[in-house]
Amino acid sequence: MTDHVQTSGRFGTAVSSDVQRNRVLRNTYWLLALSMLPTVLGAWIGVQTGITASLTGGLGLIVFLGGAFGFMFAIEKTKNSAAGVPVLLAFTFFMGLMLSRLLAAVLGFSNGASLIMTAFGGTAVVFFVMANLSTVIKRDLSGMGKWLFVGALAIMIGAIINVFVGSTAGMAVIATLAIVVFSLYLLFDLKRIIDGGETNYISATLGLYLSLFNVFQSLLMLLGLFGGDRD
């Protein structure tokens, strides 16, 4: 009888854990989808008004880093409260504004709209592949975290340096590395949710959003560099 009670208790805990993981994953996907709306709105306003056109060089870097890290700090502080979702959505609107300079530059090409759609499609494919891999891979991927963090840090430092150097080749290398690193970050973060390592859907959404944003931005950058047509 005691063994039966203990077994039932373990079974109940396992079911509860599965329910929680599925709830976090479902809420994350819904919030991630919702976060695209402020991003698109911010990008559209930025392109239409040119409000970010003057944010070049060091000024643009300061505004972007200050705003991004400020919002991420605020999200971390509010993730367990009712303010968490509005703060996250405000952050995605800000990121859309920051993306508008690149979008405006790409739209300057005669095939700019198709390049943007190609980058969007490529990002969707990356997400689909990583989402499926995260459900198939059984091994623990937690060891990837420190290497991915080092890779992301190296990319950020390289991007900051390249703002002042202005190397096209450097930009291409950084964008290529960013696609690889942040695609793997998608896999890492999705696997953490599935394995129960991430239990807050706002934090989970933030991680996935940042990876998708960087993959899209990097793909668009490469397409603009090598596929832009000015004729």
Protein backbone atom coordinates (compact mmCIF):
# COMPACT_ATOMS: atom_id res chain seq x y z
CA MET A 1 0.00 0.00 0.00
CA THR A 2 2.82 2.40 0.90
CA ASP A 3 4.61 1.64 -2.39
CA HIS A 4 1.38 2.30 -4.24
CA VAL A 5 0.92 5.68 -2.55
CA GLN A 6 4.54 6.67 -3.29
CA THR A 7 4.21 5.61 -6.92
CA SER A 8 0.96 7.53 -7.27
CA GLY A 9 2.61 10.57 -5.72
CA ARG A 10 5.49 10.46 -8.17
CA PHE A 11 3.07 9.98 -11.06
CA GLY A 12 1.03 12.96 -9.92
CA THR A 13 4.15 15.13 -9.68
CA ALA A 14 5.25 14.08 -13.17
CA VAL A 15 1.83 14.92 -14.64
CA SER A 16 1.83 18.28 -12.86
CA SER A 17 5.31 19.03 -14.17
CA ASP A 18 4.28 18.16 -17.73
CA VAL A 19 1.23 20.39 -17.46
CA GLN A 20 3.37 23.28 -16.22
CA ARG A 21 5.91 22.87 -19.04
CA ASN A 22 3.16 22.74 -21.65
CA ARG A 23 1.53 25.84 -20.16
CA VAL A 24 4.82 27.79 -20.19
CA LEU A 25 5.50 26.72 -23.79
CA ARG A 26 1.97 27.62 -24.92
CA ASN A 27 2.01 31.02 -23.20
CA THR A 28 5.47 31.72 -24.60
CA TYR A 29 4.36 31.02 -28.16
CA TRP A 30 1.28 33.21 -27.77
CA LEU A 31 3.26 36.09 -26.27
CA LEU A 32 5.97 35.70 -28.91
CA ALA A 33 3.35 35.97 -31.65
CA LEU A 34 1.81 39.00 -29.93
CA SER A 35 5.22 40.66 -29.61
CA MET A 36 5.53 40.79 -33.39
CA LEU A 37 2.71 43.35 -33.60
CA PRO A 38 4.52 46.15 -31.69
CA THR A 39 7.71 45.26 -33.56
CA VAL A 40 6.02 45.74 -36.93
CA LEU A 41 4.32 48.93 -35.70
CA GLY A 42 7.61 50.36 -34.44
CA ALA A 43 9.38 49.45 -37.66
CA TRP A 44 6.60 50.99 -39.78
CA ILE A 45 6.63 54.23 -37.77
CA GLY A 46 10.42 54.38 -37.98
CA VAL A 47 10.45 53.89 -41.75
CA GLN A 48 7.58 56.32 -42.39
CA THR A 49 8.84 59.12 -40.15
CA GLY A 50 12.60 58.57 -40.42
CA ILE A 51 12.76 59.19 -36.68
CA THR A 52 15.82 56.96 -36.30
CA ALA A 53 17.64 58.18 -39.43
CA SER A 54 19.92 60.43 -37.40
CA LEU A 55 20.95 57.63 -35.04
CA THR A 56 24.21 56.81 -36.76
CA GLY A 57 27.63 55.84 -35.42
CA GLY A 58 28.25 56.22 -31.71
CA LEU A 59 24.94 58.01 -31.03
CA GLY A 60 22.92 55.14 -32.49
CA LEU A 61 24.98 52.64 -30.52
CA ILE A 62 24.41 54.49 -27.23
CA VAL A 63 20.64 54.79 -27.81
CA PHE A 64 20.30 51.16 -28.83
CA LEU A 65 22.38 49.65 -26.03
CA GLY A 66 20.96 52.01 -23.40
CA GLY A 67 17.39 51.37 -24.44
CA ALA A 68 17.77 47.62 -24.92
CA PHE A 69 19.54 46.94 -21.64
CA GLY A 70 17.22 49.33 -19.80
CA PHE A 71 14.17 47.50 -21.07
CA MET A 72 15.69 44.07 -20.35
CA PHE A 73 16.41 45.15 -16.78
CA ALA A 74 12.81 46.36 -16.43
CA ILE A 75 11.46 43.09 -17.87
CA GLU A 76 13.51 41.08 -15.39
CA LYS A 77 12.12 43.18 -12.53
CA THR A 78 8.49 42.94 -13.65
CA LYS A 79 8.34 39.41 -15.10
CA ASN A 80 6.38 38.07 -12.11
CA SER A 81 3.87 40.93 -12.05
CA ALA A 82 1.02 42.25 -14.19
CA ALA A 83 3.38 44.86 -15.66
CA GLY A 84 5.63 42.22 -17.21
CA VAL A 85 3.76 41.77 -20.49
CA PRO A 86 3.26 45.52 -21.22
CA VAL A 87 6.96 46.18 -20.52
CA LEU A 88 7.96 43.35 -22.85
CA LEU A 89 5.66 44.67 -25.60
CA ALA A 90 7.09 48.18 -25.13
CA PHE A 91 10.55 46.67 -25.57
CA THR A 92 9.53 44.98 -28.83
CA PHE A 93 8.15 48.31 -30.09
CA PHE A 94 11.52 49.91 -29.30
CA MET A 95 13.33 47.11 -31.14
CA GLY A 96 11.08 47.68 -34.16
CA LEU A 97 12.06 51.35 -34.14
CA MET A 98 15.74 50.41 -33.96
CA LEU A 99 15.29 47.99 -36.87
CA SER A 100 13.72 50.66 -39.07
CA ARG A 101 17.06 52.15 -40.20
CA LEU A 102 18.13 48.83 -41.70
CA LEU A 103 14.68 48.30 -43.21
CA ALA A 104 14.71 51.77 -44.77
CA ALA A 105 18.16 51.12 -46.24
CA VAL A 106 17.04 47.79 -47.73
CA LEU A 107 13.85 49.34 -49.09
CA GLY A 108 16.13 51.70 -51.00
CA PHE A 109 16.93 48.77 -53.30
CA SER A 110 14.57 48.03 -56.15
CA ASN A 111 14.15 44.51 -54.77
CA GLY A 112 14.07 45.66 -51.14
CA ALA A 113 10.59 44.33 -50.36
CA SER A 114 11.46 40.87 -51.65
CA LEU A 115 14.70 40.88 -49.61
CA ILE A 116 12.72 41.64 -46.46
CA MET A 117 10.26 38.84 -47.21
CA THR A 118 13.16 36.46 -47.90
CA ALA A 119 14.75 37.35 -44.55
CA PHE A 120 11.41 36.86 -42.82
CA GLY A 121 10.91 33.49 -44.51
CA GLY A 122 14.44 32.42 -43.64
CA THR A 123 13.90 33.35 -40.00
CA ALA A 124 10.64 31.39 -39.93
CA VAL A 125 12.43 28.33 -41.34
CA VAL A 126 15.18 28.61 -38.70
CA PHE A 127 12.58 28.81 -35.94
CA PHE A 128 10.62 25.86 -37.33
CA VAL A 129 13.74 23.69 -37.58
CA MET A 130 14.97 24.57 -34.08
CA ALA A 131 11.51 24.11 -32.55
CA ASN A 132 11.29 20.63 -34.04
CA LEU A 133 14.85 19.74 -33.03
CA SER A 134 14.11 20.79 -29.46
CA THR A 135 11.38 18.14 -29.24
CA VAL A 136 13.52 15.40 -30.83
CA ILE A 137 16.85 15.87 -29.04
CA LYS A 138 16.87 13.98 -25.75
CA ARG A 139 20.29 14.93 -24.40
CA ASP A 140 20.78 17.79 -21.96
CA LEU A 141 21.93 20.94 -23.77
CA SER A 142 22.54 23.06 -20.68
CA GLY A 143 26.30 22.90 -21.30
CA MET A 144 25.79 24.95 -24.47
CA GLY A 145 24.75 27.98 -22.48
CA LYS A 146 28.18 29.29 -21.51
CA TRP A 147 29.59 28.82 -25.02
CA LEU A 148 26.64 30.58 -26.61
CA PHE A 149 26.98 33.45 -24.14
CA VAL A 150 30.66 33.82 -25.05
CA GLY A 151 29.74 33.74 -28.74
CA ALA A 152 27.03 36.38 -28.30
CA LEU A 153 29.41 38.56 -26.30
CA ALA A 154 32.08 38.28 -29.01
CA ILE A 155 29.52 39.22 -31.66
CA MET A 156 28.40 42.27 -29.66
CA ILE A 157 31.98 43.45 -29.15
CA GLY A 158 32.76 42.88 -32.83
CA ALA A 159 29.64 44.79 -33.87
CA ILE A 160 30.53 47.72 -31.60
CA ILE A 161 34.05 47.89 -33.06
CA ASN A 162 32.68 47.67 -36.59
CA VAL A 163 30.38 50.64 -35.97
CA PHE A 164 33.53 52.81 -35.90
CA VAL A 165 35.58 50.80 -38.43
CA GLY A 166 32.80 50.51 -41.01
CA SER A 167 34.11 47.34 -42.66
CA THR A 168 31.70 45.64 -45.07
CA ALA A 169 33.61 42.37 -44.77
CA GLY A 170 33.54 42.65 -40.99
CA MET A 171 29.80 43.28 -41.09
CA ALA A 172 29.29 40.16 -43.23
CA VAL A 173 31.36 37.99 -40.89
CA ILE A 174 29.54 39.29 -37.81
CA ALA A 175 26.13 38.76 -39.42
CA THR A 176 27.03 35.19 -40.43
CA LEU A 177 28.26 34.34 -36.94
CA ALA A 178 25.14 35.92 -35.44
CA ILE A 179 22.87 33.69 -37.53
CA VAL A 180 24.72 30.59 -36.31
CA VAL A 181 24.93 31.61 -32.65
CA PHE A 182 21.37 32.88 -32.28
CA SER A 183 19.90 29.93 -34.19
CA LEU A 184 21.58 27.70 -31.61
CA TYR A 185 20.29 29.99 -28.87
CA LEU A 186 16.77 29.31 -30.15
CA LEU A 187 17.38 25.58 -29.80
CA PHE A 188 18.92 26.05 -26.35
CA ASP A 189 16.07 28.21 -25.02
CA LEU A 190 13.32 26.03 -26.48
CA LYS A 191 14.94 22.91 -25.01
CA ARG A 192 15.13 24.61 -21.60
CA ILE A 193 11.38 25.30 -21.71
CA ILE A 194 10.58 21.73 -22.77
CA ASP A 195 12.86 20.29 -20.07
CA GLY A 196 11.34 22.51 -17.39
CA GLY A 197 14.43 24.65 -16.90
CA GLU A 198 12.52 27.87 -17.70
CA THR A 199 9.26 28.36 -15.84
CA ASN A 200 8.54 32.03 -16.54
CA TYR A 201 6.93 32.59 -19.93
CA ILE A 202 7.92 36.28 -20.05
CA SER A 203 11.60 35.46 -19.62
CA ALA A 204 11.21 32.63 -22.13
CA THR A 205 9.58 34.97 -24.66
CA LEU A 206 12.32 37.55 -24.21
CA GLY A 207 15.04 34.99 -24.97
CA LEU A 208 13.30 33.64 -28.07
CA TYR A 209 12.44 37.14 -29.30
CA LEU A 210 16.04 38.34 -29.05
CA SER A 211 17.27 35.31 -30.97
CA LEU A 212 14.66 35.72 -33.71
CA PHE A 213 15.36 39.45 -33.94
CA ASN A 214 19.09 38.86 -34.37
CA VAL A 215 18.61 36.09 -36.93
CA PHE A 216 16.23 38.25 -38.99
CA GLN A 217 18.42 41.34 -38.75
CA SER A 218 21.55 39.39 -39.72
CA LEU A 219 19.86 37.64 -42.65
CA LEU A 220 18.53 40.98 -43.90
CA MET A 221 21.96 42.54 -43.53
CA LEU A 222 23.58 39.80 -45.61
CA LEU A 223 20.85 39.96 -48.24
CA GLY A 224 21.24 43.73 -48.45
CA LEU A 225 25.02 43.46 -48.78
CA PHE A 226 25.06 40.79 -51.44
CA GLY A 227 21.61 40.77 -53.03
CA GLY A 228 20.58 44.43 -53.15
CA ASP A 229 19.72 45.73 -56.60
CA ARG A 230 19.83 49.49 -57.19
CA ASP A 231 18.70 49.34 -60.81
